[in-house]
Amino acid sequence: MSDVCLTLTGNELENWRRKSLFLAKRGNLESELLLAKYLDDLKEITTEKAALFRMLLDENDQNLFRWLMTFDPKMPHEAIRPPDKYLTLLQEIRENYLK
């Protein structure tokens, strides 16, 4: 078994992006805007990160909102800390929106 990480590009990326945009429709506009901009700006994504993004979309709306809007990784005692597996992805989404 190999540890090769495949990259989605072209039609595969577009199909994944369209479904992800649909799944990114949230109960609050702020989260939806951050997620949609991240998806719109993607040129490629690894299958591993694509799967992680979809797992993130399965999370509770309130937690996702807090993680995207207020969580600061420098403050580890914060009440709602995202699972460590999401930290890098959440930071990428936030930074992408702010650029």
N, C-alpha and C. Protein backbone atom coordinates (compact mmCIF):
# COMPACT_ATOMS: atom_id res chain seq x y z
N MET A 1 0.84 -1.17 0.00
CA MET A 1 0.00 0.00 0.00
C MET A 1 0.89 1.24 0.00
N SER A 2 0.59 2.18 -0.85
CA SER A 2 1.43 3.37 -0.98
C SER A 2 0.80 4.57 -0.28
N ASP A 3 1.65 5.52 0.11
CA ASP A 3 1.19 6.73 0.77
C ASP A 3 1.06 7.88 -0.21
N VAL A 4 0.89 7.57 -1.50
CA VAL A 4 0.79 8.60 -2.52
C VAL A 4 -0.52 9.36 -2.34
N CYS A 5 -0.42 10.68 -2.37
CA CYS A 5 -1.58 11.53 -2.22
C CYS A 5 -1.93 12.09 -3.61
N LEU A 6 -3.08 11.75 -4.12
CA LEU A 6 -3.49 12.21 -5.44
C LEU A 6 -4.03 13.63 -5.36
N THR A 7 -3.95 14.31 -6.49
CA THR A 7 -4.45 15.68 -6.57
C THR A 7 -5.63 15.74 -7.51
N LEU A 8 -6.68 16.44 -7.09
CA LEU A 8 -7.84 16.66 -7.94
C LEU A 8 -7.59 17.90 -8.79
N THR A 9 -7.76 17.77 -10.08
CA THR A 9 -7.64 18.90 -11.01
C THR A 9 -8.70 18.73 -12.09
N GLY A 10 -8.85 19.71 -12.93
CA GLY A 10 -9.76 19.62 -14.07
C GLY A 10 -11.19 19.29 -13.69
N ASN A 11 -11.78 18.34 -14.42
CA ASN A 11 -13.18 17.97 -14.19
C ASN A 11 -13.41 17.35 -12.82
N GLU A 12 -12.44 16.58 -12.33
CA GLU A 12 -12.59 15.99 -11.00
C GLU A 12 -12.71 17.09 -9.94
N LEU A 13 -11.86 18.10 -10.06
CA LEU A 13 -11.90 19.22 -9.13
C LEU A 13 -13.21 19.98 -9.24
N GLU A 14 -13.65 20.23 -10.46
CA GLU A 14 -14.90 20.98 -10.66
C GLU A 14 -16.10 20.23 -10.09
N ASN A 15 -16.16 18.93 -10.30
CA ASN A 15 -17.27 18.14 -9.75
C ASN A 15 -17.24 18.14 -8.23
N TRP A 16 -16.04 17.97 -7.66
CA TRP A 16 -15.89 18.00 -6.20
C TRP A 16 -16.27 19.38 -5.67
N ARG A 17 -15.81 20.43 -6.36
CA ARG A 17 -16.08 21.80 -5.92
C ARG A 17 -17.58 22.10 -5.95
N ARG A 18 -18.28 21.71 -7.00
CA ARG A 18 -19.72 21.98 -7.10
C ARG A 18 -20.50 21.31 -5.96
N LYS A 19 -20.17 20.06 -5.71
CA LYS A 19 -20.86 19.36 -4.62
C LYS A 19 -20.49 19.98 -3.28
N SER A 20 -19.24 20.35 -3.11
CA SER A 20 -18.80 20.96 -1.85
C SER A 20 -19.47 22.32 -1.64
N LEU A 21 -19.62 23.10 -2.70
CA LEU A 21 -20.32 24.39 -2.59
C LEU A 21 -21.76 24.19 -2.13
N PHE A 22 -22.40 23.17 -2.67
CA PHE A 22 -23.76 22.86 -2.26
C PHE A 22 -23.79 22.48 -0.77
N LEU A 23 -22.84 21.63 -0.35
CA LEU A 23 -22.78 21.19 1.04
C LEU A 23 -22.35 22.31 1.99
N ALA A 24 -21.70 23.35 1.45
CA ALA A 24 -21.23 24.47 2.27
C ALA A 24 -22.35 25.45 2.62
N LYS A 25 -23.53 25.25 2.09
CA LYS A 25 -24.67 26.10 2.45
C LYS A 25 -24.95 25.87 3.93
N ARG A 26 -24.78 26.91 4.73
CA ARG A 26 -24.84 26.78 6.17
C ARG A 26 -26.00 27.56 6.75
N GLY A 27 -26.15 27.47 8.04
CA GLY A 27 -27.19 28.20 8.75
C GLY A 27 -26.83 29.65 9.00
N ASN A 28 -25.61 30.03 8.65
CA ASN A 28 -25.22 31.44 8.80
C ASN A 28 -24.38 31.87 7.60
N LEU A 29 -24.57 33.09 7.20
CA LEU A 29 -23.93 33.61 6.00
C LEU A 29 -22.41 33.73 6.15
N GLU A 30 -21.93 34.06 7.33
CA GLU A 30 -20.50 34.26 7.53
C GLU A 30 -19.71 33.00 7.21
N SER A 31 -20.13 31.88 7.75
CA SER A 31 -19.43 30.62 7.47
C SER A 31 -19.51 30.28 5.99
N GLU A 32 -20.68 30.45 5.43
CA GLU A 32 -20.87 30.14 4.01
C GLU A 32 -19.95 30.98 3.13
N LEU A 33 -19.79 32.26 3.44
CA LEU A 33 -18.92 33.13 2.64
C LEU A 33 -17.46 32.68 2.70
N LEU A 34 -16.98 32.34 3.88
CA LEU A 34 -15.60 31.88 4.01
C LEU A 34 -15.37 30.58 3.25
N LEU A 35 -16.29 29.65 3.41
CA LEU A 35 -16.17 28.36 2.74
C LEU A 35 -16.25 28.50 1.22
N ALA A 36 -17.20 29.30 0.74
CA ALA A 36 -17.38 29.48 -0.70
C ALA A 36 -16.17 30.16 -1.34
N LYS A 37 -15.60 31.16 -0.68
CA LYS A 37 -14.42 31.83 -1.24
C LYS A 37 -13.25 30.87 -1.31
N TYR A 38 -13.07 30.06 -0.27
CA TYR A 38 -12.00 29.07 -0.28
C TYR A 38 -12.16 28.12 -1.47
N LEU A 39 -13.37 27.63 -1.66
CA LEU A 39 -13.63 26.70 -2.77
C LEU A 39 -13.45 27.39 -4.12
N ASP A 40 -13.91 28.62 -4.25
CA ASP A 40 -13.79 29.34 -5.52
C ASP A 40 -12.34 29.59 -5.91
N ASP A 41 -11.48 29.79 -4.92
CA ASP A 41 -10.08 30.12 -5.20
C ASP A 41 -9.18 28.91 -5.40
N LEU A 42 -9.69 27.71 -5.15
CA LEU A 42 -8.86 26.50 -5.29
C LEU A 42 -8.49 26.24 -6.74
N LYS A 43 -7.22 26.00 -6.96
CA LYS A 43 -6.75 25.59 -8.30
C LYS A 43 -6.59 24.08 -8.36
N GLU A 44 -6.26 23.49 -7.21
CA GLU A 44 -6.15 22.04 -7.06
C GLU A 44 -6.25 21.72 -5.58
N ILE A 45 -6.52 20.45 -5.29
CA ILE A 45 -6.60 20.01 -3.90
C ILE A 45 -6.24 18.53 -3.86
N THR A 46 -5.54 18.13 -2.83
CA THR A 46 -5.23 16.71 -2.69
C THR A 46 -6.49 15.97 -2.27
N THR A 47 -6.51 14.68 -2.58
CA THR A 47 -7.67 13.88 -2.18
C THR A 47 -7.77 13.83 -0.66
N GLU A 48 -6.63 13.84 0.02
CA GLU A 48 -6.63 13.84 1.48
C GLU A 48 -7.28 15.11 2.05
N LYS A 49 -6.89 16.27 1.51
CA LYS A 49 -7.46 17.53 1.99
C LYS A 49 -8.93 17.64 1.58
N ALA A 50 -9.27 17.12 0.40
CA ALA A 50 -10.67 17.14 -0.06
C ALA A 50 -11.55 16.34 0.91
N ALA A 51 -11.06 15.20 1.35
CA ALA A 51 -11.81 14.37 2.30
C ALA A 51 -11.92 15.09 3.65
N LEU A 52 -10.85 15.74 4.08
CA LEU A 52 -10.88 16.48 5.35
C LEU A 52 -11.86 17.64 5.27
N PHE A 53 -11.89 18.34 4.13
CA PHE A 53 -12.83 19.45 3.96
C PHE A 53 -14.27 18.95 4.07
N ARG A 54 -14.56 17.81 3.44
CA ARG A 54 -15.91 17.25 3.52
C ARG A 54 -16.25 16.85 4.95
N MET A 55 -15.27 16.33 5.69
CA MET A 55 -15.51 15.99 7.10
C MET A 55 -15.83 17.26 7.88
N LEU A 56 -15.12 18.33 7.57
CA LEU A 56 -15.38 19.61 8.23
C LEU A 56 -16.81 20.07 7.97
N LEU A 57 -17.29 19.88 6.75
CA LEU A 57 -18.65 20.28 6.40
C LEU A 57 -19.72 19.47 7.15
N ASP A 58 -19.34 18.31 7.65
CA ASP A 58 -20.28 17.49 8.42
C ASP A 58 -20.42 17.96 9.87
N GLU A 59 -19.59 18.91 10.27
CA GLU A 59 -19.61 19.39 11.65
C GLU A 59 -20.83 20.27 11.91
N ASN A 60 -21.17 20.40 13.16
CA ASN A 60 -22.26 21.22 13.65
C ASN A 60 -22.07 22.69 13.20
N ASP A 61 -23.14 23.33 12.76
CA ASP A 61 -23.06 24.72 12.28
C ASP A 61 -22.50 25.69 13.32
N GLN A 62 -22.91 25.55 14.57
CA GLN A 62 -22.42 26.47 15.60
C GLN A 62 -20.92 26.30 15.83
N ASN A 63 -20.46 25.07 15.89
CA ASN A 63 -19.03 24.84 16.06
C ASN A 63 -18.25 25.36 14.87
N LEU A 64 -18.72 25.06 13.68
CA LEU A 64 -18.03 25.51 12.48
C LEU A 64 -17.93 27.03 12.45
N PHE A 65 -19.01 27.70 12.80
CA PHE A 65 -19.00 29.16 12.87
C PHE A 65 -17.94 29.66 13.87
N ARG A 66 -17.94 29.10 15.05
CA ARG A 66 -16.96 29.51 16.07
C ARG A 66 -15.53 29.24 15.62
N TRP A 67 -15.32 28.09 15.02
CA TRP A 67 -13.97 27.74 14.57
C TRP A 67 -13.49 28.68 13.48
N LEU A 68 -14.38 29.01 12.54
CA LEU A 68 -13.98 29.88 11.43
C LEU A 68 -13.85 31.35 11.84
N MET A 69 -14.70 31.79 12.75
CA MET A 69 -14.76 33.21 13.06
C MET A 69 -13.99 33.64 14.30
N THR A 70 -13.87 32.77 15.28
CA THR A 70 -13.32 33.25 16.54
C THR A 70 -12.18 32.43 17.11
N PHE A 71 -11.99 31.22 16.68
CA PHE A 71 -10.97 30.38 17.31
C PHE A 71 -9.58 30.91 17.02
N ASP A 72 -8.79 31.03 18.07
CA ASP A 72 -7.40 31.48 17.94
C ASP A 72 -6.52 30.34 18.42
N PRO A 73 -5.72 29.72 17.53
CA PRO A 73 -4.90 28.58 17.95
C PRO A 73 -3.88 28.94 19.03
N LYS A 74 -3.62 30.24 19.21
CA LYS A 74 -2.67 30.67 20.25
C LYS A 74 -3.32 30.67 21.64
N MET A 75 -4.64 30.44 21.67
CA MET A 75 -5.36 30.43 22.95
C MET A 75 -5.95 29.02 23.16
N PRO A 76 -5.12 28.09 23.61
CA PRO A 76 -5.57 26.69 23.70
C PRO A 76 -6.65 26.42 24.75
N HIS A 77 -6.91 27.36 25.62
CA HIS A 77 -7.92 27.13 26.67
C HIS A 77 -9.31 27.61 26.24
N GLU A 78 -9.43 27.99 25.00
CA GLU A 78 -10.72 28.45 24.51
C GLU A 78 -11.76 27.32 24.65
N ALA A 79 -12.99 27.68 24.93
CA ALA A 79 -14.04 26.70 25.23
C ALA A 79 -14.29 25.74 24.06
N ILE A 80 -14.37 26.25 22.88
CA ILE A 80 -14.67 25.40 21.73
C ILE A 80 -13.42 25.30 20.86
N ARG A 81 -12.65 24.27 21.08
CA ARG A 81 -11.43 24.06 20.31
C ARG A 81 -11.73 23.02 19.23
N PRO A 82 -11.39 23.33 17.99
CA PRO A 82 -11.61 22.34 16.94
C PRO A 82 -10.67 21.15 17.11
N PRO A 83 -11.06 20.00 16.60
CA PRO A 83 -10.13 18.88 16.61
C PRO A 83 -8.83 19.27 15.87
N ASP A 84 -7.72 18.78 16.36
CA ASP A 84 -6.43 19.14 15.77
C ASP A 84 -6.35 18.88 14.27
N LYS A 85 -7.05 17.86 13.79
CA LYS A 85 -6.99 17.54 12.37
C LYS A 85 -7.50 18.69 11.49
N TYR A 86 -8.31 19.59 12.05
CA TYR A 86 -8.86 20.70 11.28
C TYR A 86 -8.05 22.00 11.38
N LEU A 87 -7.13 22.10 12.29
CA LEU A 87 -6.48 23.38 12.57
C LEU A 87 -5.85 24.02 11.34
N THR A 88 -5.07 23.28 10.59
CA THR A 88 -4.40 23.83 9.41
C THR A 88 -5.42 24.24 8.35
N LEU A 89 -6.41 23.39 8.11
CA LEU A 89 -7.43 23.70 7.10
C LEU A 89 -8.22 24.95 7.50
N LEU A 90 -8.62 25.06 8.75
CA LEU A 90 -9.35 26.24 9.20
C LEU A 90 -8.52 27.51 9.02
N GLN A 91 -7.24 27.42 9.32
CA GLN A 91 -6.36 28.58 9.15
C GLN A 91 -6.25 28.96 7.67
N GLU A 92 -6.15 27.97 6.79
CA GLU A 92 -6.09 28.23 5.35
C GLU A 92 -7.36 28.92 4.87
N ILE A 93 -8.50 28.46 5.33
CA ILE A 93 -9.78 29.04 4.92
C ILE A 93 -9.86 30.49 5.38
N ARG A 94 -9.48 30.76 6.62
CA ARG A 94 -9.52 32.13 7.15
C ARG A 94 -8.55 33.04 6.40
N GLU A 95 -7.32 32.57 6.21
CA GLU A 95 -6.31 33.39 5.52
C GLU A 95 -6.71 33.65 4.07
N ASN A 96 -7.29 32.66 3.42
CA ASN A 96 -7.72 32.84 2.04
C ASN A 96 -8.79 33.94 1.95
N TYR A 97 -9.68 33.98 2.90
CA TYR A 97 -10.74 34.98 2.89
C TYR A 97 -10.18 36.38 3.11
N LEU A 98 -9.15 36.48 3.92
CA LEU A 98 -8.59 37.79 4.27
C LEU A 98 -7.60 38.34 3.24
N LYS A 99 -7.20 37.51 2.29
CA LYS A 99 -6.21 38.03 1.31
C LYS A 99 -6.86 38.87 0.24
